[in-house]
Amino acid sequence: MNINNEDIAKQHILDLRQEVERCQLATKWTLTRKTTDHATVAARKADGKWKSLLETIIMMGRRML
């Protein structure tokens, strides 16, 4: 098998392109995961506020009985 410098350069460029594609996919995946994590945390905070408010109202109702 006879490999010359041009073949080596072409293979190197191909490897670099594949690495760039992998990095782009990883970046997209990370960004989507971060946005979903932030949305989940925000939803939990809102649910926690409403849950504590609901518990307070229920406790007031129990005291009235």
N, C-alpha and C. Protein backbone atom coordinates (compact mmCIF):
# COMPACT_ATOMS: atom_id res chain seq x y z
N MET A 1 0.85 -1.18 0.00
CA MET A 1 0.00 0.00 0.00
C MET A 1 0.89 1.23 0.00
N ASN A 2 0.65 2.07 -0.97
CA ASN A 2 1.49 3.26 -1.14
C ASN A 2 0.64 4.50 -0.84
N ILE A 3 0.94 5.15 0.28
CA ILE A 3 0.20 6.35 0.67
C ILE A 3 1.12 7.55 0.51
N ASN A 4 0.63 8.53 -0.23
CA ASN A 4 1.45 9.73 -0.40
C ASN A 4 0.92 10.85 0.49
N ASN A 5 1.62 11.95 0.48
CA ASN A 5 1.26 13.07 1.37
C ASN A 5 -0.14 13.62 1.07
N GLU A 6 -0.54 13.59 -0.19
CA GLU A 6 -1.87 14.11 -0.54
C GLU A 6 -2.97 13.26 0.09
N ASP A 7 -2.79 11.94 0.06
CA ASP A 7 -3.78 11.05 0.68
C ASP A 7 -3.84 11.26 2.20
N ILE A 8 -2.70 11.46 2.80
CA ILE A 8 -2.65 11.71 4.23
C ILE A 8 -3.36 13.01 4.56
N ALA A 9 -3.13 14.04 3.77
CA ALA A 9 -3.77 15.34 3.99
C ALA A 9 -5.29 15.23 3.82
N LYS A 10 -5.74 14.50 2.80
CA LYS A 10 -7.17 14.32 2.59
C LYS A 10 -7.81 13.59 3.76
N GLN A 11 -7.16 12.57 4.27
CA GLN A 11 -7.69 11.83 5.41
C GLN A 11 -7.74 12.71 6.65
N HIS A 12 -6.72 13.53 6.83
CA HIS A 12 -6.69 14.44 7.97
C HIS A 12 -7.83 15.45 7.90
N ILE A 13 -8.07 15.99 6.71
CA ILE A 13 -9.18 16.94 6.53
C ILE A 13 -10.51 16.25 6.80
N LEU A 14 -10.67 15.04 6.34
CA LEU A 14 -11.90 14.28 6.59
C LEU A 14 -12.10 14.06 8.09
N ASP A 15 -11.03 13.71 8.78
CA ASP A 15 -11.11 13.51 10.24
C ASP A 15 -11.49 14.81 10.95
N LEU A 16 -10.92 15.91 10.51
CA LEU A 16 -11.23 17.20 11.12
C LEU A 16 -12.69 17.59 10.89
N ARG A 17 -13.19 17.34 9.70
CA ARG A 17 -14.60 17.65 9.41
C ARG A 17 -15.53 16.82 10.28
N GLN A 18 -15.19 15.54 10.44
CA GLN A 18 -16.02 14.68 11.30
C GLN A 18 -15.99 15.17 12.74
N GLU A 19 -14.83 15.61 13.20
CA GLU A 19 -14.71 16.13 14.56
C GLU A 19 -15.53 17.41 14.73
N VAL A 20 -15.54 18.27 13.73
CA VAL A 20 -16.34 19.49 13.78
C VAL A 20 -17.82 19.15 13.85
N GLU A 21 -18.26 18.19 13.06
CA GLU A 21 -19.67 17.77 13.10
C GLU A 21 -20.04 17.22 14.47
N ARG A 22 -19.16 16.42 15.06
CA ARG A 22 -19.42 15.89 16.40
C ARG A 22 -19.51 17.00 17.43
N CYS A 23 -18.62 17.97 17.31
CA CYS A 23 -18.65 19.10 18.26
C CYS A 23 -19.93 19.92 18.10
N GLN A 24 -20.36 20.13 16.87
CA GLN A 24 -21.60 20.88 16.64
C GLN A 24 -22.79 20.14 17.22
N LEU A 25 -22.86 18.84 17.01
CA LEU A 25 -23.96 18.05 17.58
C LEU A 25 -23.92 18.09 19.10
N ALA A 26 -22.74 17.98 19.67
CA ALA A 26 -22.63 18.02 21.13
C ALA A 26 -23.05 19.38 21.67
N THR A 27 -22.70 20.44 20.97
CA THR A 27 -23.08 21.79 21.40
C THR A 27 -24.59 21.96 21.33
N LYS A 28 -25.21 21.51 20.25
CA LYS A 28 -26.66 21.60 20.13
C LYS A 28 -27.34 20.81 21.22
N TRP A 29 -26.85 19.60 21.48
CA TRP A 29 -27.43 18.75 22.51
C TRP A 29 -27.30 19.40 23.88
N THR A 30 -26.13 19.99 24.16
CA THR A 30 -25.91 20.64 25.44
C THR A 30 -26.84 21.84 25.61
N LEU A 31 -27.00 22.63 24.56
CA LEU A 31 -27.87 23.80 24.65
C LEU A 31 -29.32 23.40 24.87
N THR A 32 -29.78 22.38 24.17
CA THR A 32 -31.17 21.95 24.35
C THR A 32 -31.36 21.37 25.74
N ARG A 33 -30.37 20.67 26.23
CA ARG A 33 -30.48 20.10 27.58
C ARG A 33 -30.50 21.20 28.63
N LYS A 34 -29.68 22.23 28.45
CA LYS A 34 -29.65 23.33 29.41
C LYS A 34 -30.98 24.07 29.42
N THR A 35 -31.57 24.30 28.25
CA THR A 35 -32.85 25.02 28.20
C THR A 35 -33.95 24.20 28.85
N THR A 36 -33.95 22.87 28.63
CA THR A 36 -34.97 22.04 29.26
C THR A 36 -34.74 21.96 30.76
N ASP A 37 -33.48 21.95 31.20
CA ASP A 37 -33.19 21.93 32.64
C ASP A 37 -33.66 23.22 33.29
N HIS A 38 -33.42 24.36 32.64
CA HIS A 38 -33.85 25.64 33.19
C HIS A 38 -35.39 25.71 33.26
N ALA A 39 -36.04 25.20 32.23
CA ALA A 39 -37.51 25.21 32.22
C ALA A 39 -38.05 24.31 33.33
N THR A 40 -37.40 23.18 33.55
CA THR A 40 -37.84 22.26 34.60
C THR A 40 -37.67 22.88 35.97
N VAL A 41 -36.54 23.54 36.19
CA VAL A 41 -36.30 24.19 37.49
C VAL A 41 -37.32 25.30 37.71
N ALA A 42 -37.60 26.08 36.68
CA ALA A 42 -38.59 27.16 36.81
C ALA A 42 -39.97 26.58 37.12
N ALA A 43 -40.31 25.49 36.48
CA ALA A 43 -41.61 24.86 36.73
C ALA A 43 -41.69 24.33 38.16
N ARG A 44 -40.59 23.76 38.63
CA ARG A 44 -40.57 23.26 40.01
C ARG A 44 -40.75 24.39 41.01
N LYS A 45 -40.08 25.51 40.76
CA LYS A 45 -40.21 26.65 41.67
C LYS A 45 -41.65 27.14 41.70
N ALA A 46 -42.27 27.24 40.53
CA ALA A 46 -43.66 27.69 40.47
C ALA A 46 -44.57 26.69 41.15
N ASP A 47 -44.34 25.40 40.91
CA ASP A 47 -45.16 24.38 41.55
C ASP A 47 -44.99 24.42 43.06
N GLY A 48 -43.79 24.66 43.52
CA GLY A 48 -43.53 24.74 44.95
C GLY A 48 -44.27 25.88 45.59
N LYS A 49 -44.33 27.03 44.91
CA LYS A 49 -45.05 28.18 45.46
C LYS A 49 -46.54 27.88 45.55
N TRP A 50 -47.10 27.31 44.50
CA TRP A 50 -48.53 27.01 44.50
C TRP A 50 -48.85 25.91 45.49
N LYS A 51 -47.94 24.95 45.62
CA LYS A 51 -48.18 23.85 46.55
C LYS A 51 -48.20 24.38 47.99
N SER A 52 -47.24 25.25 48.32
CA SER A 52 -47.21 25.79 49.67
C SER A 52 -48.44 26.67 49.93
N LEU A 53 -48.88 27.40 48.92
CA LEU A 53 -50.07 28.23 49.07
C LEU A 53 -51.30 27.35 49.29
N LEU A 54 -51.39 26.29 48.53
CA LEU A 54 -52.50 25.35 48.68
C LEU A 54 -52.49 24.71 50.06
N GLU A 55 -51.32 24.32 50.54
CA GLU A 55 -51.22 23.74 51.87
C GLU A 55 -51.65 24.74 52.94
N THR A 56 -51.28 26.00 52.76
CA THR A 56 -51.67 27.03 53.72
C THR A 56 -53.19 27.19 53.76
N ILE A 57 -53.81 27.22 52.60
CA ILE A 57 -55.27 27.35 52.52
C ILE A 57 -55.94 26.14 53.16
N ILE A 58 -55.44 24.97 52.92
CA ILE A 58 -56.02 23.75 53.49
C ILE A 58 -55.89 23.77 55.01
N MET A 59 -54.73 24.17 55.50
CA MET A 59 -54.53 24.24 56.95
C MET A 59 -55.48 25.26 57.58
N MET A 60 -55.71 26.40 56.94
CA MET A 60 -56.65 27.40 57.45
C MET A 60 -58.06 26.82 57.49
N GLY A 61 -58.43 26.07 56.45
CA GLY A 61 -59.74 25.43 56.41
C GLY A 61 -59.91 24.43 57.52
N ARG A 62 -58.87 23.65 57.82
CA ARG A 62 -58.93 22.67 58.90
C ARG A 62 -59.10 23.37 60.25
N ARG A 63 -58.42 24.47 60.42
CA ARG A 63 -58.53 25.19 61.69
C ARG A 63 -59.92 25.76 61.88
N MET A 64 -60.57 26.16 60.79
CA MET A 64 -61.93 26.72 60.90
C MET A 64 -62.93 25.65 61.29
N LEU A 65 -62.69 24.40 60.93
CA LEU A 65 -63.63 23.32 61.27
C LEU A 65 -63.48 23.00 62.69
